[in-house]
All heavy atoms as atom14 arrays in JSON, in Angstrom:
{
  "sequence": "DKGIANFHMVFLLGLLHHLGIFPNMESHRVGYYFDMLNGAFFSRLLR",
  "atom14_mask": [
    [1, 1, 1, 1, 1, 1, 1, 1, 0, 0, 0, 0, 0, 0],
    [1, 1, 1, 1, 1, 1, 1, 1, 1, 0, 0, 0, 0, 0],
    [1, 1, 1, 1, 0, 0, 0, 0, 0, 0, 0, 0, 0, 0],
    [1, 1, 1, 1, 1, 1, 1, 1, 0, 0, 0, 0, 0, 0],
    [1, 1, 1, 1, 1, 0, 0, 0, 0, 0, 0, 0, 0, 0],
    [1, 1, 1, 1, 1, 1, 1, 1, 0, 0, 0, 0, 0, 0],
    [1, 1, 1, 1, 1, 1, 1, 1, 1, 1, 1, 0, 0, 0],
    [1, 1, 1, 1, 1, 1, 1, 1, 1, 1, 0, 0, 0, 0],
    [1, 1, 1, 1, 1, 1, 1, 1, 0, 0, 0, 0, 0, 0],
    [1, 1, 1, 1, 1, 1, 1, 0, 0, 0, 0, 0, 0, 0],
    [1, 1, 1, 1, 1, 1, 1, 1, 1, 1, 1, 0, 0, 0],
    [1, 1, 1, 1, 1, 1, 1, 1, 0, 0, 0, 0, 0, 0],
    [1, 1, 1, 1, 1, 1, 1, 1, 0, 0, 0, 0, 0, 0],
    [1, 1, 1, 1, 0, 0, 0, 0, 0, 0, 0, 0, 0, 0],
    [1, 1, 1, 1, 1, 1, 1, 1, 0, 0, 0, 0, 0, 0],
    [1, 1, 1, 1, 1, 1, 1, 1, 0, 0, 0, 0, 0, 0],
    [1, 1, 1, 1, 1, 1, 1, 1, 1, 1, 0, 0, 0, 0],
    [1, 1, 1, 1, 1, 1, 1, 1, 1, 1, 0, 0, 0, 0],
    [1, 1, 1, 1, 1, 1, 1, 1, 0, 0, 0, 0, 0, 0],
    [1, 1, 1, 1, 0, 0, 0, 0, 0, 0, 0, 0, 0, 0],
    [1, 1, 1, 1, 1, 1, 1, 1, 0, 0, 0, 0, 0, 0],
    [1, 1, 1, 1, 1, 1, 1, 1, 1, 1, 1, 0, 0, 0],
    [1, 1, 1, 1, 1, 1, 1, 0, 0, 0, 0, 0, 0, 0],
    [1, 1, 1, 1, 1, 1, 1, 1, 0, 0, 0, 0, 0, 0],
    [1, 1, 1, 1, 1, 1, 1, 1, 0, 0, 0, 0, 0, 0],
    [1, 1, 1, 1, 1, 1, 1, 1, 1, 0, 0, 0, 0, 0],
    [1, 1, 1, 1, 1, 1, 0, 0, 0, 0, 0, 0, 0, 0],
    [1, 1, 1, 1, 1, 1, 1, 1, 1, 1, 0, 0, 0, 0],
    [1, 1, 1, 1, 1, 1, 1, 1, 1, 1, 1, 0, 0, 0],
    [1, 1, 1, 1, 1, 1, 1, 0, 0, 0, 0, 0, 0, 0],
    [1, 1, 1, 1, 0, 0, 0, 0, 0, 0, 0, 0, 0, 0],
    [1, 1, 1, 1, 1, 1, 1, 1, 1, 1, 1, 1, 0, 0],
    [1, 1, 1, 1, 1, 1, 1, 1, 1, 1, 1, 1, 0, 0],
    [1, 1, 1, 1, 1, 1, 1, 1, 1, 1, 1, 0, 0, 0],
    [1, 1, 1, 1, 1, 1, 1, 1, 0, 0, 0, 0, 0, 0],
    [1, 1, 1, 1, 1, 1, 1, 1, 0, 0, 0, 0, 0, 0],
    [1, 1, 1, 1, 1, 1, 1, 1, 0, 0, 0, 0, 0, 0],
    [1, 1, 1, 1, 1, 1, 1, 1, 0, 0, 0, 0, 0, 0],
    [1, 1, 1, 1, 0, 0, 0, 0, 0, 0, 0, 0, 0, 0],
    [1, 1, 1, 1, 1, 0, 0, 0, 0, 0, 0, 0, 0, 0],
    [1, 1, 1, 1, 1, 1, 1, 1, 1, 1, 1, 0, 0, 0],
    [1, 1, 1, 1, 1, 1, 1, 1, 1, 1, 1, 0, 0, 0],
    [1, 1, 1, 1, 1, 1, 0, 0, 0, 0, 0, 0, 0, 0],
    [1, 1, 1, 1, 1, 1, 1, 1, 1, 1, 1, 0, 0, 0],
    [1, 1, 1, 1, 1, 1, 1, 1, 0, 0, 0, 0, 0, 0],
    [1, 1, 1, 1, 1, 1, 1, 1, 0, 0, 0, 0, 0, 0],
    [1, 1, 1, 1, 1, 1, 1, 1, 1, 1, 1, 0, 0, 0]
  ],
  "atom14_positions": [
    [[152.17, 71.32, 5.81], [152.0, 70.42, 4.67], [150.54, 70.33, 4.24], [150.24, 69.79, 3.19], [152.56, 69.03, 4.97], [151.92, 68.39, 6.18], [151.17, 69.06, 6.9], [152.18, 67.19, 6.41], [0.0, 0.0, 0.0], [0.0, 0.0, 0.0], [0.0, 0.0, 0.0], [0.0, 0.0, 0.0], [0.0, 0.0, 0.0], [0.0, 0.0, 0.0]],
    [[149.61, 70.88, 5.03], [148.2, 70.9, 4.67], [147.66, 72.31, 4.86], [148.09, 73.03, 5.75], [147.4, 69.94, 5.56], [147.74, 68.48, 5.36], [146.82, 67.57, 6.12], [147.08, 67.71, 7.61], [146.36, 66.77, 8.44], [0.0, 0.0, 0.0], [0.0, 0.0, 0.0], [0.0, 0.0, 0.0], [0.0, 0.0, 0.0], [0.0, 0.0, 0.0]],
    [[146.72, 72.69, 4.01], [146.07, 73.99, 4.15], [146.9, 75.17, 3.68], [146.56, 76.31, 3.97], [0.0, 0.0, 0.0], [0.0, 0.0, 0.0], [0.0, 0.0, 0.0], [0.0, 0.0, 0.0], [0.0, 0.0, 0.0], [0.0, 0.0, 0.0], [0.0, 0.0, 0.0], [0.0, 0.0, 0.0], [0.0, 0.0, 0.0], [0.0, 0.0, 0.0]],
    [[147.98, 74.91, 2.96], [148.87, 75.99, 2.54], [148.15, 77.01, 1.67], [148.46, 78.2, 1.71], [150.11, 75.41, 1.81], [150.94, 74.58, 2.79], [150.97, 76.52, 1.22], [152.02, 73.77, 2.13], [0.0, 0.0, 0.0], [0.0, 0.0, 0.0], [0.0, 0.0, 0.0], [0.0, 0.0, 0.0], [0.0, 0.0, 0.0], [0.0, 0.0, 0.0]],
    [[147.16, 76.57, 0.92], [146.41, 77.48, 0.05], [145.7, 78.58, 0.84], [145.39, 79.64, 0.3], [145.41, 76.71, -0.8], [0.0, 0.0, 0.0], [0.0, 0.0, 0.0], [0.0, 0.0, 0.0], [0.0, 0.0, 0.0], [0.0, 0.0, 0.0], [0.0, 0.0, 0.0], [0.0, 0.0, 0.0], [0.0, 0.0, 0.0], [0.0, 0.0, 0.0]],
    [[145.46, 78.34, 2.13], [144.79, 79.34, 2.98], [145.76, 80.12, 3.86], [145.34, 81.0, 4.61], [143.75, 78.65, 3.87], [142.61, 78.07, 3.06], [142.25, 78.59, 2.01], [142.04, 76.99, 3.56], [0.0, 0.0, 0.0], [0.0, 0.0, 0.0], [0.0, 0.0, 0.0], [0.0, 0.0, 0.0], [0.0, 0.0, 0.0], [0.0, 0.0, 0.0]],
    [[147.03, 79.79, 3.79], [148.02, 80.38, 4.69], [148.01, 81.91, 4.63], [148.01, 82.58, 5.67], [149.43, 79.86, 4.38], [150.46, 80.38, 5.33], [150.73, 79.71, 6.51], [151.15, 81.56, 5.06], [151.68, 80.2, 7.4], [152.1, 82.06, 5.94], [152.36, 81.37, 7.12], [0.0, 0.0, 0.0], [0.0, 0.0, 0.0], [0.0, 0.0, 0.0]],
    [[148.02, 82.48, 3.43], [148.1, 83.93, 3.3], [146.87, 84.62, 3.87], [146.96, 85.7, 4.45], [148.37, 84.35, 1.87], [147.42, 83.83, 0.85], [147.03, 82.51, 0.76], [146.77, 84.47, -0.15], [146.19, 82.36, -0.25], [146.01, 83.53, -0.81], [0.0, 0.0, 0.0], [0.0, 0.0, 0.0], [0.0, 0.0, 0.0], [0.0, 0.0, 0.0]],
    [[145.69, 83.99, 3.78], [144.49, 84.58, 4.37], [144.6, 84.61, 5.89], [144.32, 85.63, 6.53], [143.24, 83.8, 3.95], [142.92, 83.91, 2.5], [141.35, 83.19, 2.01], [141.43, 81.56, 2.69], [0.0, 0.0, 0.0], [0.0, 0.0, 0.0], [0.0, 0.0, 0.0], [0.0, 0.0, 0.0], [0.0, 0.0, 0.0], [0.0, 0.0, 0.0]],
    [[145.04, 83.48, 6.46], [145.2, 83.41, 7.91], [146.23, 84.43, 8.38], [146.01, 85.15, 9.36], [145.62, 81.97, 8.34], [145.9, 81.91, 9.83], [144.56, 80.96, 7.94], [0.0, 0.0, 0.0], [0.0, 0.0, 0.0], [0.0, 0.0, 0.0], [0.0, 0.0, 0.0], [0.0, 0.0, 0.0], [0.0, 0.0, 0.0], [0.0, 0.0, 0.0]],
    [[147.33, 84.52, 7.66], [148.39, 85.46, 8.02], [147.86, 86.9, 8.0], [148.08, 87.66, 8.95], [149.57, 85.32, 7.07], [150.69, 86.26, 7.38], [151.67, 85.92, 8.3], [150.75, 87.51, 6.78], [152.7, 86.81, 8.6], [151.77, 88.4, 7.07], [152.75, 88.05, 7.98], [0.0, 0.0, 0.0], [0.0, 0.0, 0.0], [0.0, 0.0, 0.0]],
    [[147.2, 87.28, 6.92], [146.69, 88.66, 6.8], [145.66, 88.98, 7.87], [145.64, 90.09, 8.41], [146.11, 88.9, 5.41], [147.1, 88.91, 4.26], [146.37, 89.01, 2.93], [148.11, 90.03, 4.42], [0.0, 0.0, 0.0], [0.0, 0.0, 0.0], [0.0, 0.0, 0.0], [0.0, 0.0, 0.0], [0.0, 0.0, 0.0], [0.0, 0.0, 0.0]],
    [[144.8, 88.03, 8.18], [143.8, 88.25, 9.24], [144.48, 88.36, 10.61], [144.12, 89.21, 11.42], [142.75, 87.14, 9.23], [141.83, 87.14, 8.02], [140.99, 85.86, 7.99], [140.94, 88.37, 8.02], [0.0, 0.0, 0.0], [0.0, 0.0, 0.0], [0.0, 0.0, 0.0], [0.0, 0.0, 0.0], [0.0, 0.0, 0.0], [0.0, 0.0, 0.0]],
    [[145.48, 87.53, 10.86], [146.21, 87.61, 12.12], [147.0, 88.9, 12.25], [147.11, 89.47, 13.35], [0.0, 0.0, 0.0], [0.0, 0.0, 0.0], [0.0, 0.0, 0.0], [0.0, 0.0, 0.0], [0.0, 0.0, 0.0], [0.0, 0.0, 0.0], [0.0, 0.0, 0.0], [0.0, 0.0, 0.0], [0.0, 0.0, 0.0], [0.0, 0.0, 0.0]],
    [[147.52, 89.39, 11.15], [148.29, 90.63, 11.16], [147.42, 91.82, 11.55], [147.92, 92.79, 12.13], [148.91, 90.85, 9.77], [149.85, 92.05, 9.61], [151.04, 91.95, 10.56], [150.32, 92.14, 8.16], [0.0, 0.0, 0.0], [0.0, 0.0, 0.0], [0.0, 0.0, 0.0], [0.0, 0.0, 0.0], [0.0, 0.0, 0.0], [0.0, 0.0, 0.0]],
    [[146.12, 91.74, 11.28], [145.21, 92.83, 11.66], [145.28, 93.14, 13.15], [145.18, 94.3, 13.55], [143.77, 92.49, 11.27], [143.47, 92.39, 9.78], [142.05, 91.88, 9.56], [143.68, 93.72, 9.08], [0.0, 0.0, 0.0], [0.0, 0.0, 0.0], [0.0, 0.0, 0.0], [0.0, 0.0, 0.0], [0.0, 0.0, 0.0], [0.0, 0.0, 0.0]],
    [[145.44, 92.1, 13.97], [145.58, 92.3, 15.43], [146.76, 93.21, 15.74], [146.66, 94.13, 16.55], [145.79, 90.97, 16.16], [144.57, 90.14, 16.31], [143.54, 90.47, 17.14], [144.24, 88.98, 15.72], [142.61, 89.55, 17.08], [143.0, 88.63, 16.21], [0.0, 0.0, 0.0], [0.0, 0.0, 0.0], [0.0, 0.0, 0.0], [0.0, 0.0, 0.0]],
    [[147.88, 92.94, 15.11], [149.12, 93.67, 15.4], [149.12, 95.08, 14.82], [149.89, 95.93, 15.27], [150.31, 92.86, 14.88], [150.4, 91.52, 15.54], [150.9, 91.34, 16.81], [150.0, 90.3, 15.12], [150.81, 90.07, 17.14], [150.26, 89.42, 16.13], [0.0, 0.0, 0.0], [0.0, 0.0, 0.0], [0.0, 0.0, 0.0], [0.0, 0.0, 0.0]],
    [[148.28, 95.31, 13.84], [148.17, 96.64, 13.26], [147.09, 97.48, 13.96], [146.94, 98.66, 13.67], [147.85, 96.54, 11.76], [148.89, 95.8, 10.92], [148.39, 95.65, 9.48], [150.23, 96.52, 10.97], [0.0, 0.0, 0.0], [0.0, 0.0, 0.0], [0.0, 0.0, 0.0], [0.0, 0.0, 0.0], [0.0, 0.0, 0.0], [0.0, 0.0, 0.0]],
    [[146.36, 96.85, 14.87], [145.32, 97.57, 15.63], [144.05, 97.81, 14.85], [143.27, 98.7, 15.2], [0.0, 0.0, 0.0], [0.0, 0.0, 0.0], [0.0, 0.0, 0.0], [0.0, 0.0, 0.0], [0.0, 0.0, 0.0], [0.0, 0.0, 0.0], [0.0, 0.0, 0.0], [0.0, 0.0, 0.0], [0.0, 0.0, 0.0], [0.0, 0.0, 0.0]],
    [[143.79, 97.01, 13.81], [142.59, 97.23, 12.99], [141.76, 95.95, 12.85], [141.03, 95.79, 11.88], [142.95, 97.81, 11.6], [143.91, 96.9, 10.85], [143.49, 99.21, 11.73], [144.18, 97.31, 9.4], [0.0, 0.0, 0.0], [0.0, 0.0, 0.0], [0.0, 0.0, 0.0], [0.0, 0.0, 0.0], [0.0, 0.0, 0.0], [0.0, 0.0, 0.0]],
    [[141.86, 95.05, 13.8], [141.08, 93.82, 13.74], [139.59, 94.16, 13.87], [139.22, 95.03, 14.66], [141.49, 92.85, 14.85], [140.95, 91.47, 14.68], [141.55, 90.6, 13.78], [139.85, 91.04, 15.39], [141.05, 89.32, 13.59], [139.35, 89.76, 15.22], [139.96, 88.89, 14.32], [0.0, 0.0, 0.0], [0.0, 0.0, 0.0], [0.0, 0.0, 0.0]],
    [[138.74, 93.52, 13.09], [137.3, 93.83, 13.13], [136.69, 93.61, 14.52], [137.12, 92.75, 15.27], [136.7, 92.84, 12.13], [137.82, 92.51, 11.22], [139.05, 92.54, 12.06], [0.0, 0.0, 0.0], [0.0, 0.0, 0.0], [0.0, 0.0, 0.0], [0.0, 0.0, 0.0], [0.0, 0.0, 0.0], [0.0, 0.0, 0.0], [0.0, 0.0, 0.0]],
    [[135.65, 94.37, 14.8], [134.94, 94.29, 16.06], [134.01, 93.08, 16.03], [133.0, 93.08, 15.35], [134.13, 95.57, 16.27], [133.31, 95.54, 17.53], [133.42, 94.63, 18.34], [132.47, 96.54, 17.69], [0.0, 0.0, 0.0], [0.0, 0.0, 0.0], [0.0, 0.0, 0.0], [0.0, 0.0, 0.0], [0.0, 0.0, 0.0], [0.0, 0.0, 0.0]],
    [[134.34, 92.06, 16.81], [133.52, 90.84, 16.84], [132.38, 90.95, 17.84], [131.45, 90.16, 17.81], [134.4, 89.64, 17.2], [135.38, 89.27, 16.11], [134.55, 88.76, 14.61], [133.77, 87.25, 15.18], [0.0, 0.0, 0.0], [0.0, 0.0, 0.0], [0.0, 0.0, 0.0], [0.0, 0.0, 0.0], [0.0, 0.0, 0.0], [0.0, 0.0, 0.0]],
    [[132.41, 91.93, 18.73], [131.37, 92.06, 19.75], [130.02, 92.41, 19.14], [128.99, 92.07, 19.7], [131.77, 93.11, 20.78], [132.96, 92.67, 21.62], [133.42, 93.78, 22.55], [132.68, 94.76, 22.75], [134.54, 93.65, 23.07], [0.0, 0.0, 0.0], [0.0, 0.0, 0.0], [0.0, 0.0, 0.0], [0.0, 0.0, 0.0], [0.0, 0.0, 0.0]],
    [[130.04, 93.1, 18.0], [128.79, 93.53, 17.4], [128.2, 92.49, 16.44], [127.15, 92.72, 15.86], [128.99, 94.85, 16.66], [129.88, 94.67, 15.58], [0.0, 0.0, 0.0], [0.0, 0.0, 0.0], [0.0, 0.0, 0.0], [0.0, 0.0, 0.0], [0.0, 0.0, 0.0], [0.0, 0.0, 0.0], [0.0, 0.0, 0.0], [0.0, 0.0, 0.0]],
    [[128.85, 91.34, 16.29], [128.38, 90.33, 15.33], [127.05, 89.72, 15.78], [126.87, 89.37, 16.94], [129.41, 89.21, 15.17], [128.88, 88.07, 14.36], [128.67, 88.17, 13.0], [128.46, 86.84, 14.72], [128.16, 87.04, 12.56], [128.04, 86.22, 13.59], [0.0, 0.0, 0.0], [0.0, 0.0, 0.0], [0.0, 0.0, 0.0], [0.0, 0.0, 0.0]],
    [[126.14, 89.6, 14.85], [124.87, 88.91, 15.04], [124.64, 88.03, 13.82], [125.07, 88.37, 12.71], [123.7, 89.89, 15.17], [123.83, 90.89, 16.3], [123.62, 90.19, 17.67], [123.7, 91.15, 18.75], [124.82, 91.47, 19.4], [125.95, 90.94, 19.07], [124.81, 92.34, 20.39], [0.0, 0.0, 0.0], [0.0, 0.0, 0.0], [0.0, 0.0, 0.0]],
    [[123.94, 86.94, 13.99], [123.63, 86.06, 12.87], [122.91, 86.85, 11.79], [121.99, 87.62, 12.07], [122.76, 84.87, 13.35], [122.34, 84.02, 12.17], [123.52, 84.04, 14.37], [0.0, 0.0, 0.0], [0.0, 0.0, 0.0], [0.0, 0.0, 0.0], [0.0, 0.0, 0.0], [0.0, 0.0, 0.0], [0.0, 0.0, 0.0], [0.0, 0.0, 0.0]],
    [[123.38, 86.69, 10.57], [122.76, 87.38, 9.45], [123.4, 88.72, 9.13], [123.07, 89.33, 8.12], [0.0, 0.0, 0.0], [0.0, 0.0, 0.0], [0.0, 0.0, 0.0], [0.0, 0.0, 0.0], [0.0, 0.0, 0.0], [0.0, 0.0, 0.0], [0.0, 0.0, 0.0], [0.0, 0.0, 0.0], [0.0, 0.0, 0.0], [0.0, 0.0, 0.0]],
    [[124.3, 89.21, 10.0], [124.98, 90.47, 9.71], [125.93, 90.28, 8.53], [126.43, 89.19, 8.3], [125.79, 90.94, 10.91], [125.02, 91.74, 11.92], [123.65, 91.66, 12.04], [125.68, 92.59, 12.79], [122.96, 92.4, 12.97], [125.0, 93.32, 13.73], [123.63, 93.22, 13.82], [122.97, 93.95, 14.75], [0.0, 0.0, 0.0], [0.0, 0.0, 0.0]],
    [[126.21, 91.33, 7.85], [127.15, 91.3, 6.74], [128.44, 91.99, 7.19], [128.51, 92.57, 8.27], [126.57, 92.0, 5.51], [126.23, 93.45, 5.77], [127.15, 94.45, 5.49], [125.01, 93.81, 6.32], [126.88, 95.77, 5.76], [124.72, 95.15, 6.59], [125.66, 96.11, 6.3], [125.38, 97.42, 6.58], [0.0, 0.0, 0.0], [0.0, 0.0, 0.0]],
    [[129.43, 91.95, 6.34], [130.72, 92.56, 6.65], [130.68, 94.04, 6.33], [130.63, 94.44, 5.18], [131.81, 91.85, 5.84], [133.2, 92.4, 6.05], [133.59, 92.97, 7.25], [134.13, 92.33, 5.04], [134.87, 93.45, 7.43], [135.41, 92.81, 5.2], [135.78, 93.36, 6.4], [0.0, 0.0, 0.0], [0.0, 0.0, 0.0], [0.0, 0.0, 0.0]],
    [[130.68, 94.87, 7.34], [130.73, 96.32, 7.19], [132.21, 96.7, 7.2], [132.84, 96.77, 8.24], [129.98, 96.97, 8.34], [130.02, 98.49, 8.31], [130.77, 99.06, 7.5], [129.3, 99.1, 9.11], [0.0, 0.0, 0.0], [0.0, 0.0, 0.0], [0.0, 0.0, 0.0], [0.0, 0.0, 0.0], [0.0, 0.0, 0.0], [0.0, 0.0, 0.0]],
    [[132.76, 96.94, 6.0], [134.21, 97.17, 5.87], [134.7, 98.36, 6.67], [135.75, 98.31, 7.28], [134.57, 97.38, 4.39], [134.31, 96.19, 3.52], [135.6, 94.98, 3.62], [136.73, 95.65, 2.44], [0.0, 0.0, 0.0], [0.0, 0.0, 0.0], [0.0, 0.0, 0.0], [0.0, 0.0, 0.0], [0.0, 0.0, 0.0], [0.0, 0.0, 0.0]],
    [[133.96, 99.45, 6.65], [134.42, 100.66, 7.28], [134.43, 100.54, 8.8], [135.38, 100.95, 9.46], [133.56, 101.85, 6.84], [134.08, 103.21, 7.24], [135.5, 103.44, 6.73], [133.17, 104.29, 6.69], [0.0, 0.0, 0.0], [0.0, 0.0, 0.0], [0.0, 0.0, 0.0], [0.0, 0.0, 0.0], [0.0, 0.0, 0.0], [0.0, 0.0, 0.0]],
    [[133.39, 99.96, 9.37], [133.28, 99.87, 10.82], [133.81, 98.56, 11.38], [133.85, 98.37, 12.59], [131.83, 100.07, 11.25], [131.36, 101.46, 10.91], [132.07, 102.43, 11.18], [130.21, 101.56, 10.28], [0.0, 0.0, 0.0], [0.0, 0.0, 0.0], [0.0, 0.0, 0.0], [0.0, 0.0, 0.0], [0.0, 0.0, 0.0], [0.0, 0.0, 0.0]],
    [[134.19, 97.65, 10.51], [134.83, 96.42, 10.98], [133.88, 95.39, 11.55], [134.29, 94.54, 12.32], [0.0, 0.0, 0.0], [0.0, 0.0, 0.0], [0.0, 0.0, 0.0], [0.0, 0.0, 0.0], [0.0, 0.0, 0.0], [0.0, 0.0, 0.0], [0.0, 0.0, 0.0], [0.0, 0.0, 0.0], [0.0, 0.0, 0.0], [0.0, 0.0, 0.0]],
    [[132.59, 95.44, 11.22], [131.68, 94.37, 11.62], [131.88, 93.25, 10.6], [131.66, 93.43, 9.42], [130.24, 94.87, 11.61], [0.0, 0.0, 0.0], [0.0, 0.0, 0.0], [0.0, 0.0, 0.0], [0.0, 0.0, 0.0], [0.0, 0.0, 0.0], [0.0, 0.0, 0.0], [0.0, 0.0, 0.0], [0.0, 0.0, 0.0], [0.0, 0.0, 0.0]],
    [[132.33, 92.1, 11.04], [132.87, 91.1, 10.13], [132.09, 89.8, 10.11], [131.43, 89.44, 11.06], [134.31, 90.8, 10.56], [135.2, 90.36, 9.46], [136.12, 91.23, 8.92], [135.13, 89.09, 8.95], [136.97, 90.83, 7.92], [135.97, 88.68, 7.93], [136.89, 89.54, 7.43], [0.0, 0.0, 0.0], [0.0, 0.0, 0.0], [0.0, 0.0, 0.0]],
    [[132.2, 89.1, 9.02], [131.67, 87.75, 8.85], [132.44, 86.81, 9.76], [133.62, 86.57, 9.56], [131.83, 87.39, 7.38], [131.4, 86.0, 7.02], [130.24, 85.47, 7.51], [132.18, 85.23, 6.18], [129.84, 84.21, 7.19], [131.79, 83.96, 5.83], [130.61, 83.44, 6.34], [0.0, 0.0, 0.0], [0.0, 0.0, 0.0], [0.0, 0.0, 0.0]],
    [[131.78, 86.28, 10.76], [132.47, 85.56, 11.83], [133.09, 84.23, 11.4], [134.09, 83.83, 11.96], [131.54, 85.34, 13.01], [130.47, 84.49, 12.63], [0.0, 0.0, 0.0], [0.0, 0.0, 0.0], [0.0, 0.0, 0.0], [0.0, 0.0, 0.0], [0.0, 0.0, 0.0], [0.0, 0.0, 0.0], [0.0, 0.0, 0.0], [0.0, 0.0, 0.0]],
    [[132.5, 83.52, 10.45], [133.06, 82.22, 10.04], [134.5, 82.37, 9.56], [135.37, 81.58, 9.9], [132.22, 81.59, 8.94], [132.77, 80.26, 8.48], [131.86, 79.6, 7.43], [132.49, 78.41, 6.92], [133.11, 78.33, 5.75], [133.18, 79.39, 4.96], [133.66, 77.22, 5.35], [0.0, 0.0, 0.0], [0.0, 0.0, 0.0], [0.0, 0.0, 0.0]],
    [[134.76, 83.39, 8.78], [136.1, 83.6, 8.25], [137.1, 83.91, 9.36], [138.25, 83.5, 9.3], [136.09, 84.73, 7.22], [137.41, 85.0, 6.51], [137.89, 83.77, 5.76], [137.27, 86.16, 5.56], [0.0, 0.0, 0.0], [0.0, 0.0, 0.0], [0.0, 0.0, 0.0], [0.0, 0.0, 0.0], [0.0, 0.0, 0.0], [0.0, 0.0, 0.0]],
    [[136.65, 84.62, 10.38], [137.58, 84.99, 11.45], [137.9, 83.82, 12.39], [138.76, 83.95, 13.24], [137.03, 86.17, 12.25], [137.06, 87.47, 11.49], [136.51, 88.6, 12.34], [138.45, 87.82, 11.01], [0.0, 0.0, 0.0], [0.0, 0.0, 0.0], [0.0, 0.0, 0.0], [0.0, 0.0, 0.0], [0.0, 0.0, 0.0], [0.0, 0.0, 0.0]],
    [[137.24, 82.7, 12.21], [137.57, 81.52, 13.0], [138.71, 80.71, 12.4], [139.21, 79.78, 13.02], [136.33, 80.63, 13.15], [135.32, 81.23, 14.07], [134.23, 80.24, 14.39], [132.98, 80.98, 14.39], [131.88, 80.62, 13.79], [131.82, 79.48, 13.15], [130.81, 81.37, 13.83], [0.0, 0.0, 0.0], [0.0, 0.0, 0.0], [0.0, 0.0, 0.0]]
  ]
}
């Protein structure tokens, strides 16, 4: 009943795990940007 507007984003990000293409969070450092090809991701969104 709350946060429904974000449901599809959460779902799509969670689905990445099951597809084997979830971004690499180990390489994240403050100030890094989202490298689409290599999966270095903006960490706030993945929380």
